[in-house]
Amino acid sequence: RSDRIIFMGKEFKVTTIGFSLLYLLAQHREKVVSYEEILKDLWKGEKDAIYTRINYHICKIRKDISKIMDKKEDNTKKIENIFKAIPGRGLMLNIKEEELEIN
């Protein structure tokens, strides 16, 4: 897979892990992906793979997106809500299919 990501019509760059995380969540759009599944898929069972690594990459993706977007209040709220955390279960990509293109 390539690393081209377009959010709301604007292309942005992410790390390899960030791309893999977005790709995984996009494959299961509108469904909760468990933290365990994310850790297993992205870090292949590394012993030091912990939840804080997921949160770090979520924050980094939000920051990368915010660099390319206008600083309007609507955009800021949309960026904050891209990922929906479901306590004790996992994460869900919280955007419409047409808003995110990964190819």
N, C-alpha and C. Protein backbone atom coordinates (compact mmCIF):
# COMPACT_ATOMS: atom_id res chain seq x y z
N ARG A 1 0.83 -1.19 0.00
CA ARG A 1 0.00 0.00 0.00
C ARG A 1 0.87 1.25 0.00
N SER A 2 0.35 2.29 -0.51
CA SER A 2 1.11 3.54 -0.56
C SER A 2 0.85 4.34 0.71
N ASP A 3 1.31 5.58 0.73
CA ASP A 3 1.13 6.39 1.94
C ASP A 3 0.45 7.71 1.62
N ARG A 4 -0.44 7.71 0.67
CA ARG A 4 -1.14 8.94 0.29
C ARG A 4 -2.45 9.02 1.07
N ILE A 5 -2.59 10.08 1.83
CA ILE A 5 -3.79 10.27 2.63
C ILE A 5 -4.34 11.66 2.34
N ILE A 6 -5.63 11.72 2.05
CA ILE A 6 -6.29 12.99 1.79
C ILE A 6 -7.47 13.10 2.75
N PHE A 7 -7.47 14.20 3.51
CA PHE A 7 -8.55 14.46 4.47
C PHE A 7 -9.24 15.74 4.06
N MET A 8 -10.54 15.65 3.78
CA MET A 8 -11.35 16.79 3.35
C MET A 8 -10.68 17.54 2.19
N GLY A 9 -10.16 16.77 1.24
CA GLY A 9 -9.60 17.35 0.02
C GLY A 9 -8.16 17.81 0.12
N LYS A 10 -7.52 17.64 1.27
CA LYS A 10 -6.13 18.09 1.44
C LYS A 10 -5.24 16.93 1.82
N GLU A 11 -4.13 16.81 1.09
CA GLU A 11 -3.20 15.71 1.34
C GLU A 11 -2.30 16.05 2.52
N PHE A 12 -1.99 15.03 3.32
CA PHE A 12 -1.06 15.23 4.43
C PHE A 12 -0.21 13.99 4.62
N LYS A 13 0.91 14.16 5.28
CA LYS A 13 1.87 13.08 5.52
C LYS A 13 1.75 12.60 6.96
N VAL A 14 1.93 11.31 7.13
CA VAL A 14 1.98 10.72 8.47
C VAL A 14 3.13 9.72 8.51
N THR A 15 3.45 9.28 9.70
CA THR A 15 4.48 8.25 9.85
C THR A 15 3.95 6.92 9.32
N THR A 16 4.82 5.95 9.21
CA THR A 16 4.42 4.62 8.76
C THR A 16 3.38 4.03 9.70
N ILE A 17 3.61 4.17 11.00
CA ILE A 17 2.65 3.66 11.99
C ILE A 17 1.34 4.43 11.89
N GLY A 18 1.42 5.75 11.74
CA GLY A 18 0.21 6.56 11.60
C GLY A 18 -0.61 6.13 10.40
N PHE A 19 0.07 5.87 9.29
CA PHE A 19 -0.62 5.40 8.10
C PHE A 19 -1.30 4.06 8.37
N SER A 20 -0.56 3.14 8.97
CA SER A 20 -1.11 1.81 9.26
C SER A 20 -2.31 1.89 10.19
N LEU A 21 -2.25 2.79 11.17
CA LEU A 21 -3.36 2.98 12.10
C LEU A 21 -4.59 3.51 11.38
N LEU A 22 -4.41 4.54 10.57
CA LEU A 22 -5.54 5.08 9.80
C LEU A 22 -6.11 4.03 8.85
N TYR A 23 -5.23 3.30 8.20
CA TYR A 23 -5.66 2.27 7.24
C TYR A 23 -6.49 1.19 7.95
N LEU A 24 -6.00 0.74 9.10
CA LEU A 24 -6.72 -0.28 9.87
C LEU A 24 -8.10 0.22 10.29
N LEU A 25 -8.17 1.43 10.82
CA LEU A 25 -9.45 1.98 11.27
C LEU A 25 -10.39 2.22 10.08
N ALA A 26 -9.84 2.65 8.95
CA ALA A 26 -10.66 2.90 7.76
C ALA A 26 -11.25 1.59 7.22
N GLN A 27 -10.52 0.50 7.36
CA GLN A 27 -11.04 -0.80 6.93
C GLN A 27 -12.25 -1.23 7.75
N HIS A 28 -12.34 -0.71 8.97
CA HIS A 28 -13.44 -1.07 9.88
C HIS A 28 -14.25 0.18 10.23
N ARG A 29 -14.43 1.04 9.25
CA ARG A 29 -15.12 2.31 9.46
C ARG A 29 -16.46 2.09 10.18
N GLU A 30 -16.72 2.95 11.15
CA GLU A 30 -17.93 2.93 11.96
C GLU A 30 -18.06 1.69 12.84
N LYS A 31 -16.95 0.98 13.03
CA LYS A 31 -16.91 -0.16 13.95
C LYS A 31 -15.77 0.06 14.93
N VAL A 32 -15.93 -0.42 16.14
CA VAL A 32 -14.88 -0.29 17.14
C VAL A 32 -13.80 -1.33 16.86
N VAL A 33 -12.55 -0.86 16.80
CA VAL A 33 -11.40 -1.76 16.67
C VAL A 33 -10.75 -1.81 18.04
N SER A 34 -10.64 -2.99 18.61
CA SER A 34 -10.12 -3.11 19.97
C SER A 34 -8.66 -2.68 20.05
N TYR A 35 -8.29 -2.19 21.23
CA TYR A 35 -6.90 -1.80 21.45
C TYR A 35 -5.98 -3.00 21.23
N GLU A 36 -6.44 -4.17 21.65
CA GLU A 36 -5.62 -5.38 21.48
C GLU A 36 -5.38 -5.67 20.00
N GLU A 37 -6.41 -5.51 19.18
CA GLU A 37 -6.27 -5.74 17.75
C GLU A 37 -5.31 -4.72 17.13
N ILE A 38 -5.41 -3.47 17.56
CA ILE A 38 -4.51 -2.43 17.04
C ILE A 38 -3.07 -2.76 17.41
N LEU A 39 -2.83 -3.10 18.68
CA LEU A 39 -1.48 -3.44 19.12
C LEU A 39 -0.94 -4.65 18.36
N LYS A 40 -1.77 -5.66 18.20
CA LYS A 40 -1.35 -6.88 17.50
C LYS A 40 -1.03 -6.59 16.04
N ASP A 41 -1.86 -5.80 15.38
CA ASP A 41 -1.69 -5.52 13.96
C ASP A 41 -0.51 -4.59 13.68
N LEU A 42 -0.35 -3.56 14.50
CA LEU A 42 0.68 -2.56 14.23
C LEU A 42 2.04 -2.90 14.81
N TRP A 43 2.05 -3.58 15.95
CA TRP A 43 3.34 -3.87 16.60
C TRP A 43 3.65 -5.36 16.64
N LYS A 44 2.86 -6.17 16.02
CA LYS A 44 3.12 -7.61 15.85
C LYS A 44 3.54 -8.31 17.13
N GLY A 45 2.86 -7.98 18.22
CA GLY A 45 3.12 -8.69 19.47
C GLY A 45 4.37 -8.27 20.22
N GLU A 46 4.94 -7.10 19.90
CA GLU A 46 6.11 -6.63 20.66
C GLU A 46 5.75 -6.54 22.13
N LYS A 47 6.67 -6.93 22.98
CA LYS A 47 6.41 -6.93 24.42
C LYS A 47 6.18 -5.53 24.98
N ASP A 48 6.82 -4.52 24.37
CA ASP A 48 6.67 -3.17 24.91
C ASP A 48 5.56 -2.37 24.21
N ALA A 49 4.74 -3.05 23.41
CA ALA A 49 3.62 -2.37 22.76
C ALA A 49 2.54 -2.11 23.81
N ILE A 50 2.31 -0.84 24.09
CA ILE A 50 1.35 -0.45 25.12
C ILE A 50 0.38 0.59 24.57
N TYR A 51 -0.70 0.79 25.30
CA TYR A 51 -1.75 1.69 24.86
C TYR A 51 -1.26 3.12 24.65
N THR A 52 -0.28 3.56 25.41
CA THR A 52 0.21 4.93 25.25
C THR A 52 0.81 5.15 23.87
N ARG A 53 1.32 4.10 23.25
CA ARG A 53 1.84 4.22 21.89
C ARG A 53 0.71 4.54 20.91
N ILE A 54 -0.44 3.93 21.12
CA ILE A 54 -1.59 4.22 20.26
C ILE A 54 -1.99 5.68 20.43
N ASN A 55 -2.11 6.13 21.66
CA ASN A 55 -2.51 7.51 21.93
C ASN A 55 -1.52 8.51 21.35
N TYR A 56 -0.24 8.19 21.44
CA TYR A 56 0.79 9.06 20.85
C TYR A 56 0.53 9.25 19.35
N HIS A 57 0.28 8.16 18.65
CA HIS A 57 0.09 8.23 17.20
C HIS A 57 -1.24 8.91 16.84
N ILE A 58 -2.26 8.73 17.65
CA ILE A 58 -3.53 9.43 17.43
C ILE A 58 -3.30 10.94 17.53
N CYS A 59 -2.60 11.38 18.57
CA CYS A 59 -2.30 12.80 18.75
C CYS A 59 -1.46 13.34 17.59
N LYS A 60 -0.50 12.55 17.15
CA LYS A 60 0.38 12.97 16.04
C LYS A 60 -0.42 13.12 14.75
N ILE A 61 -1.33 12.20 14.47
CA ILE A 61 -2.17 12.30 13.27
C ILE A 61 -3.03 13.55 13.34
N ARG A 62 -3.64 13.81 14.49
CA ARG A 62 -4.45 15.02 14.64
C ARG A 62 -3.61 16.27 14.39
N LYS A 63 -2.40 16.28 14.91
CA LYS A 63 -1.50 17.42 14.72
C LYS A 63 -1.13 17.58 13.24
N ASP A 64 -0.83 16.47 12.56
CA ASP A 64 -0.48 16.51 11.14
C ASP A 64 -1.64 17.05 10.31
N ILE A 65 -2.85 16.63 10.64
CA ILE A 65 -4.03 17.13 9.92
C ILE A 65 -4.24 18.61 10.20
N SER A 66 -4.06 19.02 11.44
CA SER A 66 -4.30 20.43 11.79
C SER A 66 -3.35 21.37 11.06
N LYS A 67 -2.17 20.89 10.68
CA LYS A 67 -1.21 21.72 9.94
C LYS A 67 -1.72 22.09 8.55
N ILE A 68 -2.56 21.25 7.96
CA ILE A 68 -3.02 21.51 6.60
C ILE A 68 -4.40 22.15 6.54
N MET A 69 -5.09 22.20 7.65
CA MET A 69 -6.46 22.71 7.67
C MET A 69 -6.48 24.16 8.12
N ASP A 70 -7.51 24.88 7.68
CA ASP A 70 -7.74 26.23 8.17
C ASP A 70 -8.02 26.16 9.67
N LYS A 71 -7.72 27.23 10.37
CA LYS A 71 -7.88 27.24 11.82
C LYS A 71 -9.30 27.63 12.25
N LYS A 72 -10.28 27.32 11.43
CA LYS A 72 -11.67 27.61 11.77
C LYS A 72 -12.11 26.70 12.92
N GLU A 73 -13.05 27.20 13.71
CA GLU A 73 -13.54 26.41 14.85
C GLU A 73 -14.16 25.09 14.39
N ASP A 74 -14.91 25.11 13.29
CA ASP A 74 -15.52 23.88 12.77
C ASP A 74 -14.47 22.83 12.44
N ASN A 75 -13.37 23.25 11.81
CA ASN A 75 -12.30 22.32 11.46
C ASN A 75 -11.61 21.78 12.69
N THR A 76 -11.38 22.63 13.68
CA THR A 76 -10.73 22.20 14.92
C THR A 76 -11.56 21.12 15.60
N LYS A 77 -12.86 21.32 15.69
CA LYS A 77 -13.73 20.32 16.32
C LYS A 77 -13.74 19.03 15.51
N LYS A 78 -13.77 19.13 14.19
CA LYS A 78 -13.78 17.95 13.33
C LYS A 78 -12.49 17.15 13.52
N ILE A 79 -11.35 17.83 13.61
CA ILE A 79 -10.06 17.16 13.81
C ILE A 79 -10.04 16.44 15.16
N GLU A 80 -10.53 17.09 16.20
CA GLU A 80 -10.57 16.48 17.53
C GLU A 80 -11.44 15.23 17.56
N ASN A 81 -12.48 15.21 16.73
CA ASN A 81 -13.45 14.11 16.76
C ASN A 81 -13.22 13.04 15.70
N ILE A 82 -12.09 13.08 15.01
CA ILE A 82 -11.81 12.07 13.98
C ILE A 82 -11.83 10.67 14.58
N PHE A 83 -11.23 10.55 15.74
CA PHE A 83 -11.16 9.26 16.41
C PHE A 83 -12.07 9.28 17.62
N LYS A 84 -12.91 8.27 17.72
CA LYS A 84 -13.79 8.16 18.88
C LYS A 84 -13.27 7.03 19.74
N ALA A 85 -12.89 7.36 20.97
CA ALA A 85 -12.42 6.35 21.92
C ALA A 85 -13.62 5.78 22.66
N ILE A 86 -13.71 4.47 22.66
CA ILE A 86 -14.78 3.77 23.38
C ILE A 86 -14.12 3.15 24.61
N PRO A 87 -14.33 3.73 25.80
CA PRO A 87 -13.64 3.26 27.00
C PRO A 87 -13.74 1.75 27.20
N GLY A 88 -12.59 1.14 27.43
CA GLY A 88 -12.53 -0.29 27.68
C GLY A 88 -12.68 -1.17 26.46
N ARG A 89 -12.91 -0.56 25.29
CA ARG A 89 -13.14 -1.36 24.08
C ARG A 89 -12.13 -1.08 22.99
N GLY A 90 -12.01 0.19 22.57
CA GLY A 90 -11.09 0.49 21.48
C GLY A 90 -11.37 1.83 20.83
N LEU A 91 -11.02 1.93 19.55
CA LEU A 91 -11.16 3.17 18.79
C LEU A 91 -12.04 2.95 17.58
N MET A 92 -12.65 4.07 17.14
CA MET A 92 -13.46 4.03 15.94
C MET A 92 -13.15 5.27 15.13
N LEU A 93 -13.02 5.10 13.81
CA LEU A 93 -12.85 6.23 12.91
C LEU A 93 -14.20 6.91 12.78
N ASN A 94 -14.27 8.18 13.10
CA ASN A 94 -15.53 8.89 13.22
C ASN A 94 -15.68 9.95 12.13
N ILE A 95 -15.48 9.55 10.88
CA ILE A 95 -15.65 10.48 9.76
C ILE A 95 -16.35 9.77 8.62
N LYS A 96 -16.93 10.57 7.74
CA LYS A 96 -17.61 10.01 6.58
C LYS A 96 -16.59 9.48 5.59
N GLU A 97 -17.00 8.47 4.85
CA GLU A 97 -16.10 7.82 3.89
C GLU A 97 -15.52 8.81 2.89
N GLU A 98 -16.32 9.76 2.43
CA GLU A 98 -15.85 10.70 1.42
C GLU A 98 -14.87 11.75 1.98
N GLU A 99 -14.75 11.84 3.30
CA GLU A 99 -13.84 12.81 3.90
C GLU A 99 -12.40 12.32 3.99
N LEU A 100 -12.18 11.01 3.85
CA LEU A 100 -10.84 10.45 3.98
C LEU A 100 -10.56 9.51 2.83
N GLU A 101 -9.46 9.76 2.15
CA GLU A 101 -9.04 8.91 1.04
C GLU A 101 -7.65 8.37 1.36
N ILE A 102 -7.51 7.07 1.32
CA ILE A 102 -6.22 6.42 1.56
C ILE A 102 -5.92 5.56 0.35
N ASN A 103 -4.83 5.91 -0.33
CA ASN A 103 -4.45 5.08 -1.48
C ASN A 103 -2.97 5.19 -1.78
